[in-house]
C-alpha atoms as a PDB file:
ATOM      1  CA  MET A   1      -0.429   0.116  -0.354  1.00  0.00           C
ATOM      2  CA  GLN A   2       1.233   2.954  -0.946  1.00  0.00           C
ATOM      3  CA  ASN A   3       1.603   6.581   1.613  1.00  0.00           C
ATOM      4  CA  ASP A   4       0.208   9.290   1.799  1.00  0.00           C
ATOM      5  CA  ILE A   5       2.605  11.898   1.689  1.00  0.00           C
ATOM      6  CA  SER A   6       2.015  15.408   0.800  1.00  0.00           C
ATOM      7  CA  GLY A   7       4.686  18.587   0.975  1.00  0.00           C
ATOM      8  CA  MET A   8       7.729  20.204  -0.268  1.00  0.00           C
ATOM      9  CA  LEU A   9      11.298  18.560  -0.302  1.00  0.00           C
ATOM     10  CA  LEU A  10      13.962  21.142  -0.571  1.00  0.00           C
ATOM     11  CA  PHE A  11      16.835  18.797  -2.992  1.00  0.00           C
ATOM     12  CA  ASP A  12      20.281  19.644  -4.657  1.00  0.00           C
ATOM     13  CA  LYS A  13      20.026  17.847  -7.565  1.00  0.00           C
ATOM     14  CA  PRO A  14      23.894  16.570  -7.955  1.00  0.00           C
ATOM     15  CA  ALA A  15      25.270  16.793 -11.648  1.00  0.00           C
ATOM     16  CA  GLY A  16      24.190  13.603 -13.985  1.00  0.00           C
ATOM     17  CA  TRP A  17      20.863  13.202 -12.819  1.00  0.00           C
ATOM     18  CA  THR A  18      17.584  14.213 -14.074  1.00  0.00           C
ATOM     19  CA  SER A  19      15.135  16.145 -12.487  1.00  0.00           C
ATOM     20  CA  PHE A  20      12.868  13.037 -13.554  1.00  0.00           C
ATOM     21  CA  LYS A  21      14.763  11.200 -12.123  1.00  0.00           C
ATOM     22  CA  ALA A  22      15.075  12.796  -8.496  1.00  0.00           C
ATOM     23  CA  VAL A  23      11.572  13.039  -8.616  1.00  0.00           C
ATOM     24  CA  ASN A  24      11.736   9.546  -8.873  1.00  0.00           C
ATOM     25  CA  LYS A  25      14.045   8.564  -6.263  1.00  0.00           C
ATOM     26  CA  ILE A  26      11.873  10.158  -4.256  1.00  0.00           C
ATOM     27  CA  ARG A  27       8.990   8.622  -5.498  1.00  0.00           C
ATOM     28  CA  LYS A  28      10.218   5.337  -4.834  1.00  0.00           C
ATOM     29  CA  ILE A  29      11.993   5.681  -0.827  1.00  0.00           C
ATOM     30  CA  LEU A  30       8.219   7.305   0.140  1.00  0.00           C
ATOM     31  CA  ASN A  31       6.938   5.110  -1.484  1.00  0.00           C
ATOM     32  CA  ILE A  32       4.106   7.674  -3.298  1.00  0.00           C
ATOM     33  CA  LYS A  33       2.257   7.677  -5.728  1.00  0.00           C
ATOM     34  CA  LYS A  34       2.664  11.553  -7.244  1.00  0.00           C
ATOM     35  CA  ALA A  35       4.905  12.718  -7.203  1.00  0.00           C
ATOM     36  CA  GLY A  36       6.855  16.324  -9.072  1.00  0.00           C
ATOM     37  CA  HIS A  37       9.041  19.111  -9.303  1.00  0.00           C
ATOM     38  CA  CYS A  38       9.003  22.757  -9.683  1.00  0.00           C
ATOM     39  CA  GLY A  39      11.734  23.707 -13.277  1.00  0.00           C
ATOM     40  CA  THR A  40      13.702  21.472 -14.571  1.00  0.00           C
ATOM     41  CA  LEU A  41      17.285  21.416 -13.987  1.00  0.00           C
ATOM     42  CA  ASP A  42      19.711  19.662 -17.072  1.00  0.00           C
ATOM     43  CA  PRO A  43      21.337  17.167 -16.371  1.00  0.00           C
ATOM     44  CA  ALA A  44      24.828  18.684 -15.924  1.00  0.00           C
ATOM     45  CA  ALA A  45      23.013  21.485 -14.002  1.00  0.00           C
ATOM     46  CA  THR A  46      23.831  21.294 -10.053  1.00  0.00           C
ATOM     47  CA  GLY A  47      21.673  23.425  -7.572  1.00  0.00           C
ATOM     48  CA  LEU A  48      18.120  23.407  -5.765  1.00  0.00           C
ATOM     49  CA  LEU A  49      14.796  21.186  -7.110  1.00  0.00           C
ATOM     50  CA  LEU A  50      11.776  21.569  -5.215  1.00  0.00           C
ATOM     51  CA  ILE A  51       9.826  18.669  -5.408  1.00  0.00           C
ATOM     52  CA  LEU A  52       6.351  18.208  -3.976  1.00  0.00           C
ATOM     53  CA  THR A  53       4.537  15.276  -3.118  1.00  0.00           C
ATOM     54  CA  GLY A  54       0.974  14.184  -3.212  1.00  0.00           C
ATOM     55  CA  LYS A  55      -1.130  16.672  -2.373  1.00  0.00           C
ATOM     56  CA  ALA A  56       1.563  19.349  -2.100  1.00  0.00           C
ATOM     57  CA  THR A  57       1.847  18.847  -6.517  1.00  0.00           C
ATOM     58  CA  LYS A  58      -1.164  20.879  -7.014  1.00  0.00           C
ATOM     59  CA  LEU A  59       1.125  23.891  -5.726  1.00  0.00           C
ATOM     60  CA  GLN A  60       3.511  23.019  -8.518  1.00  0.00           C
ATOM     61  CA  ASP A  61       2.486  25.706 -11.369  1.00  0.00           C
ATOM     62  CA  LYS A  62       2.504  29.049  -7.850  1.00  0.00           C
ATOM     63  CA  PHE A  63       5.903  27.762  -7.368  1.00  0.00           C
ATOM     64  CA  MET A  64       7.199  27.247 -11.385  1.00  0.00           C
ATOM     65  CA  LYS A  65       6.125  31.465 -11.149  1.00  0.00           C
ATOM     66  CA  ARG A  66       8.981  32.348  -8.335  1.00  0.00           C
ATOM     67  CA  ASP A  67      12.380  34.164  -9.268  1.00  0.00           C
ATOM     68  CA  LYS A  68      15.437  31.855  -9.262  1.00  0.00           C
ATOM     69  CA  VAL A  69      18.865  32.578  -9.150  1.00  0.00           C
ATOM     70  CA  TYR A  70      22.354  30.948 -10.864  1.00  0.00           C
ATOM     71  CA  LEU A  71      25.952  30.420 -10.526  1.00  0.00           C
ATOM     72  CA  SER A  72      27.784  30.124 -14.120  1.00  0.00           C
ATOM     73  CA  VAL A  73      30.816  30.535 -15.757  1.00  0.00           C
ATOM     74  CA  PHE A  74      30.529  30.896 -19.392  1.00  0.00           C
ATOM     75  CA  LEU A  75      33.292  30.037 -21.565  1.00  0.00           C
ATOM     76  CA  LEU A  76      34.188  32.343 -24.287  1.00  0.00           C
ATOM     77  CA  GLY A  77      35.418  30.979 -27.489  1.00  0.00           C
ATOM     78  CA  THR A  78      33.018  27.739 -27.399  1.00  0.00           C
ATOM     79  CA  VAL A  79      30.314  27.506 -29.113  1.00  0.00           C
ATOM     80  CA  THR A  80      28.410  24.054 -28.408  1.00  0.00           C
ATOM     81  CA  ASP A  81      24.695  22.843 -30.449  1.00  0.00           C
ATOM     82  CA  SER A  82      23.058  23.115 -27.134  1.00  0.00           C
ATOM     83  CA  GLY A  83      24.369  26.121 -25.339  1.00  0.00           C
ATOM     84  CA  ASP A  84      26.380  24.067 -23.054  1.00  0.00           C
ATOM     85  CA  LEU A  85      29.065  21.805 -22.765  1.00  0.00           C
ATOM     86  CA  ASP A  86      27.472  18.852 -22.943  1.00  0.00           C
ATOM     87  CA  GLY A  87      25.791  19.461 -26.893  1.00  0.00           C
ATOM     88  CA  ASN A  88      28.141  18.706 -29.522  1.00  0.00           C
ATOM     89  CA  ILE A  89      30.522  22.148 -30.903  1.00  0.00           C
ATOM     90  CA  ILE A  90      30.124  23.895 -33.424  1.00  0.00           C
ATOM     91  CA  ALA A  91      32.553  26.414 -33.207  1.00  0.00           C
ATOM     92  CA  LYS A  92      35.807  27.345 -31.469  1.00  0.00           C
ATOM     93  CA  LYS A  93      36.668  31.192 -31.872  1.00  0.00           C
ATOM     94  CA  GLU A  94      39.741  33.183 -30.742  1.00  0.00           C
ATOM     95  CA  VAL A  95      39.230  35.406 -27.887  1.00  0.00           C
ATOM     96  CA  LYS A  96      41.813  38.309 -27.544  1.00  0.00           C
ATOM     97  CA  ASP A  97      41.420  42.078 -26.263  1.00  0.00           C
ATOM     98  CA  ILE A  98      38.049  41.037 -24.052  1.00  0.00           C
ATOM     99  CA  SER A  99      38.643  43.425 -21.158  1.00  0.00           C
ATOM    100  CA  LEU A 100      36.573  43.074 -17.883  1.00  0.00           C
ATOM    101  CA  GLU A 101      35.337  46.308 -19.250  1.00  0.00           C
ATOM    102  CA  LYS A 102      33.858  45.053 -22.706  1.00  0.00           C
ATOM    103  CA  VAL A 103      32.555  41.987 -20.361  1.00  0.00           C
ATOM    104  CA  LYS A 104      30.114  44.917 -18.371  1.00  0.00           C
ATOM    105  CA  GLU A 105      29.426  46.647 -20.858  1.00  0.00           C
ATOM    106  CA  ALA A 106      28.121  43.119 -22.318  1.00  0.00           C
ATOM    107  CA  VAL A 107      26.584  41.841 -18.864  1.00  0.00           C
ATOM    108  CA  ASN A 108      24.544  45.008 -18.977  1.00  0.00           C
ATOM    109  CA  LEU A 109      22.630  45.037 -21.803  1.00  0.00           C
ATOM    110  CA  PHE A 110      20.785  42.168 -21.167  1.00  0.00           C
ATOM    111  CA  LYS A 111      19.665  43.146 -17.306  1.00  0.00           C
ATOM    112  CA  GLY A 112      16.030  44.043 -17.426  1.00  0.00           C
ATOM    113  CA  ASP A 113      13.442  43.059 -18.962  1.00  0.00           C
ATOM    114  CA  ILE A 114      14.323  41.248 -22.634  1.00  0.00           C
ATOM    115  CA  GLU A 115      13.808  38.186 -24.905  1.00  0.00           C
ATOM    116  CA  GLN A 116      14.984  35.152 -25.396  1.00  0.00           C
ATOM    117  CA  ILE A 117      14.650  32.444 -27.782  1.00  0.00           C
ATOM    118  CA  PRO A 118      14.196  28.885 -26.049  1.00  0.00           C
ATOM    119  CA  PRO A 119      17.146  26.912 -27.101  1.00  0.00           C
ATOM    120  CA  MET A 120      15.917  23.539 -29.093  1.00  0.00           C
ATOM    121  CA  TYR A 121      17.620  21.600 -26.348  1.00  0.00           C
ATOM    122  CA  SER A 122      14.415  22.486 -24.095  1.00  0.00           C
ATOM    123  CA  ALA A 123      11.904  20.481 -22.686  1.00  0.00           C
ATOM    124  CA  LEU A 124       9.414  23.062 -24.258  1.00  0.00           C
ATOM    125  CA  LYS A 125       7.085  21.422 -26.503  1.00  0.00           C
ATOM    126  CA  HIS A 126       6.277  21.769 -30.156  1.00  0.00           C
ATOM    127  CA  LYS A 127       3.187  19.305 -30.906  1.00  0.00           C
ATOM    128  CA  GLY A 128       3.290  16.577 -27.947  1.00  0.00           C
ATOM    129  CA  LYS A 129       6.800  16.547 -28.242  1.00  0.00           C
ATOM    130  CA  LYS A 130       9.970  18.185 -26.044  1.00  0.00           C
ATOM    131  CA  LEU A 131      12.435  19.683 -28.604  1.00  0.00           C
ATOM    132  CA  TYR A 132      14.928  18.683 -27.147  1.00  0.00           C
ATOM    133  CA  GLU A 133      13.646  14.758 -28.289  1.00  0.00           C
ATOM    134  CA  LEU A 134      13.184  16.645 -32.407  1.00  0.00           C
ATOM    135  CA  ALA A 135      17.061  18.257 -31.468  1.00  0.00           C
ATOM    136  CA  ARG A 136      18.445  15.364 -31.130  1.00  0.00           C
ATOM    137  CA  GLU A 137      17.170  13.876 -34.023  1.00  0.00           C
ATOM    138  CA  GLY A 138      18.404  16.939 -35.394  1.00  0.00           C
ATOM    139  CA  ILE A 139      15.742  18.621 -36.568  1.00  0.00           C
ATOM    140  CA  THR A 140      15.258  22.027 -35.638  1.00  0.00           C
ATOM    141  CA  VAL A 141      11.782  23.901 -35.006  1.00  0.00           C
ATOM    142  CA  GLU A 142      10.776  28.513 -35.029  1.00  0.00           C
ATOM    143  CA  ARG A 143      10.851  29.036 -31.525  1.00  0.00           C
ATOM    144  CA  LYS A 144       8.745  32.128 -30.355  1.00  0.00           C
ATOM    145  CA  PRO A 145      10.531  34.811 -28.430  1.00  0.00           C
ATOM    146  CA  ARG A 146       9.903  35.247 -24.982  1.00  0.00           C
ATOM    147  CA  LYS A 147       9.747  37.906 -22.611  1.00  0.00           C
ATOM    148  CA  VAL A 148      11.726  37.584 -19.616  1.00  0.00           C
ATOM    149  CA  THR A 149      13.665  39.921 -16.924  1.00  0.00           C
ATOM    150  CA  ILE A 150      17.423  39.647 -16.075  1.00  0.00           C
ATOM    151  CA  LYS A 151      16.584  41.480 -12.079  1.00  0.00           C
ATOM    152  CA  ASN A 152      20.559  41.306 -11.377  1.00  0.00           C
ATOM    153  CA  ILE A 153      23.562  39.757 -13.421  1.00  0.00           C
ATOM    154  CA  ASP A 154      26.706  39.836 -11.136  1.00  0.00           C
ATOM    155  CA  ILE A 155      30.648  39.195 -12.423  1.00  0.00           C
ATOM    156  CA  ILE A 156      32.106  37.027  -9.412  1.00  0.00           C
ATOM    157  CA  SER A 157      35.279  36.659 -11.614  1.00  0.00           C
ATOM    158  CA  PHE A 158      36.499  36.519 -15.151  1.00  0.00           C
ATOM    159  CA  ASP A 159      40.436  35.077 -16.108  1.00  0.00           C
ATOM    160  CA  GLY A 160      40.158  35.783 -19.958  1.00  0.00           C
ATOM    161  CA  ILE A 161      38.395  33.233 -20.659  1.00  0.00           C
ATOM    162  CA  ASN A 162      35.930  32.000 -18.146  1.00  0.00           C
ATOM    163  CA  ILE A 163      32.886  34.700 -16.427  1.00  0.00           C
ATOM    164  CA  GLU A 164      31.794  33.730 -13.411  1.00  0.00           C
ATOM    165  CA  VAL A 165      28.002  35.332 -12.974  1.00  0.00           C
ATOM    166  CA  ARG A 166      25.636  35.106 -10.547  1.00  0.00           C
ATOM    167  CA  VAL A 167      22.075  36.020 -12.291  1.00  0.00           C
ATOM    168  CA  GLU A 168      19.019  36.794 -10.646  1.00  0.00           C
ATOM    169  CA  CYS A 169      15.729  36.771 -12.989  1.00  0.00           C
ATOM    170  CA  THR A 170      11.928  35.880 -13.822  1.00  0.00           C
ATOM    171  CA  SER A 171      11.201  32.731 -14.693  1.00  0.00           C
ATOM    172  CA  GLY A 172      11.385  30.966 -17.665  1.00  0.00           C
ATOM    173  CA  THR A 173      15.009  32.755 -17.853  1.00  0.00           C
ATOM    174  CA  TYR A 174      17.662  30.734 -20.183  1.00  0.00           C
ATOM    175  CA  ILE A 175      20.929  30.971 -18.805  1.00  0.00           C
ATOM    176  CA  ARG A 176      22.520  28.766 -21.606  1.00  0.00           C
ATOM    177  CA  THR A 177      21.348  31.397 -24.242  1.00  0.00           C
ATOM    178  CA  LEU A 178      21.781  34.560 -21.893  1.00  0.00           C
ATOM    179  CA  ALA A 179      25.811  32.712 -22.149  1.00  0.00           C
ATOM    180  CA  GLU A 180      24.930  33.175 -25.776  1.00  0.00           C
ATOM    181  CA  ASP A 181      23.449  35.820 -26.500  1.00  0.00           C
ATOM    182  CA  ILE A 182      26.593  37.736 -24.457  1.00  0.00           C
ATOM    183  CA  GLY A 183      29.193  35.777 -26.152  1.00  0.00           C
ATOM    184  CA  ASN A 184      28.017  37.392 -29.350  1.00  0.00           C
ATOM    185  CA  VAL A 185      28.175  40.602 -28.644  1.00  0.00           C
ATOM    186  CA  LEU A 186      31.934  40.085 -27.632  1.00  0.00           C
ATOM    187  CA  GLY A 187      32.247  38.402 -31.297  1.00  0.00           C
ATOM    188  CA  CYS A 188      33.828  35.583 -29.790  1.00  0.00           C
ATOM    189  CA  GLY A 189      30.826  32.672 -29.162  1.00  0.00           C
ATOM    190  CA  ALA A 190      30.214  31.355 -25.645  1.00  0.00           C
ATOM    191  CA  ALA A 191      28.613  28.182 -23.465  1.00  0.00           C
ATOM    192  CA  VAL A 192      27.690  26.922 -19.843  1.00  0.00           C
ATOM    193  CA  SER A 193      30.422  25.678 -18.039  1.00  0.00           C
ATOM    194  CA  ARG A 194      29.418  25.345 -14.638  1.00  0.00           C
ATOM    195  CA  LEU A 195      25.312  25.794 -14.196  1.00  0.00           C
ATOM    196  CA  ARG A 196      23.915  25.558 -10.450  1.00  0.00           C
ATOM    197  CA  ARG A 197      20.448  27.460  -9.086  1.00  0.00           C
ATOM    198  CA  GLU A 198      20.847  28.430  -5.220  1.00  0.00           C
ATOM    199  CA  LYS A 199      17.506  29.660  -5.157  1.00  0.00           C
ATOM    200  CA  ILE A 200      13.718  29.363  -5.692  1.00  0.00           C
ATOM    201  CA  GLY A 201      11.617  32.082  -4.219  1.00  0.00           C
ATOM    202  CA  GLU A 202      12.735  32.086  -0.573  1.00  0.00           C
ATOM    203  CA  PHE A 203      14.179  28.556  -1.041  1.00  0.00           C
ATOM    204  CA  SER A 204      17.991  28.028  -0.590  1.00  0.00           C
ATOM    205  CA  VAL A 205      20.376  24.741  -1.617  1.00  0.00           C
ATOM    206  CA  GLU A 206      21.759  25.771   1.408  1.00  0.00           C
ATOM    207  CA  ASN A 207      18.819  24.517   3.030  1.00  0.00           C
ATOM    208  CA  ALA A 208      18.125  21.580   0.413  1.00  0.00           C
ATOM    209  CA  LEU A 209      18.904  17.913   0.772  1.00  0.00           C
ATOM    210  CA  LYS A 210      21.609  16.400  -0.331  1.00  0.00           C
ATOM    211  CA  GLU A 211      21.791  12.918  -2.423  1.00  0.00           C
ATOM    212  CA  SER A 212      23.241  10.947   0.738  1.00  0.00           C
ATOM    213  CA  ASP A 213      20.734  13.090   2.412  1.00  0.00           C
ATOM    214  CA  LEU A 214      18.305  10.288   0.586  1.00  0.00           C
ATOM    215  CA  GLU A 215      19.707   6.540   2.629  1.00  0.00           C
ATOM    216  CA  ASN A 216      18.253   7.721   5.559  1.00  0.00           C
ATOM    217  CA  THR A 217      14.084   7.220   4.596  1.00  0.00           C
ATOM    218  CA  ASP A 218      13.548   9.133   8.289  1.00  0.00           C
ATOM    219  CA  LEU A 219      15.674  11.968   7.686  1.00  0.00           C
ATOM    220  CA  ILE A 220      13.469  12.737   5.034  1.00  0.00           C
ATOM    221  CA  ILE A 221      10.157  12.037   6.400  1.00  0.00           C
ATOM    222  CA  LYS A 222      11.025  14.196   9.151  1.00  0.00           C
ATOM    223  CA  GLY A 223      13.156  16.357   8.590  1.00  0.00           C
ATOM    224  CA  LEU A 224      15.851  16.314  11.671  1.00  0.00           C
ATOM    225  CA  SER A 225      19.027  17.793  10.061  1.00  0.00           C
ATOM    226  CA  LYS A 226      19.626  21.631   8.805  1.00  0.00           C
ATOM    227  CA  ASN A 227      18.281  20.327   5.331  1.00  0.00           C
ATOM    228  CA  PRO A 228      14.466  20.049   6.590  1.00  0.00           C
ATOM    229  CA  VAL A 229      11.703  18.514   4.620  1.00  0.00           C
ATOM    230  CA  TYR A 230       9.358  21.278   4.195  1.00  0.00           C
ATOM    231  CA  THR A 231       5.981  21.092   4.528  1.00  0.00           C
ATOM    232  CA  MET A 232       1.768  23.013   4.302  1.00  0.00           C
ATOM    233  CA  SER A 233      -1.065  22.862   5.587  1.00  0.00           C
ATOM    234  CA  LEU A 234      -3.295  21.536   2.201  1.00  0.00           C
ATOM    235  CA  PRO A 235      -7.030  21.540   1.837  1.00  0.00           C
END
C-alpha cells in the first residue's frame, strides 16, 4: 500500500541526474504515487530542485513561477549546439582583447526586460514532443521569442576566458541562451561550463537535502537535520 505524504522537499540535485530521476527516486523511497518538481534542471546542472508530493503537487504552478538565482560560468570562445558543454562543439573562436570592462558592457545590455529564443535543447514541447527530443533527431523548429527579466547579473570573476556570474531572473529564463547572447555581443561566442541553481523564491539550496541524505528515510520525512523537509497545510 502506498503512503499518503503531502509536502515539499528541497533537494540539491547532483550533476548527472535528470530532474525526473530525482523525483522518481523520492517517489520510490517514500512509496508514494504522486510527485513532481517545480522547474527542470539540465542533467549537467546542480542545485535546488523543489519536489512536491501528494496533494502538494497541486501547488506546482505557484512555485514554478517564482524568481530564480543561478551561479554560472560562461566559457568564451566555445559554441555548442546545446549552449553548454554537454552538446557538440560547432565552433571554436579566438578570444582576444576582451577586457573586464568589455565584459561588463556586454552583461549590462541584458539587464532588465529582454527577449530570449528558447534553445532547441529544452523541455518545451512542439506538437506534443519535447524540443530536446527533436534536437537529438537533428530537427530544428521555429521558436517564438519570450519575454523574461534579468533582475541582476553580478560578475564574480573573469580570467580572460571564463566569466563567473550570479544571475537573478524571472521564471522561464534560459541561462544557456544568456551565455550565448553575451558571447555573441563579445564576438567570440560562449557556452555554459557550469550551472548551479541557488534559489527559487525564498527557498535556498543551503537548506536542501543532499544525495547522501536520501539513504535515511526518517531524515526525509521528519526533517531532522539542517536540510529540512518543508511541509504545508493543504485542503
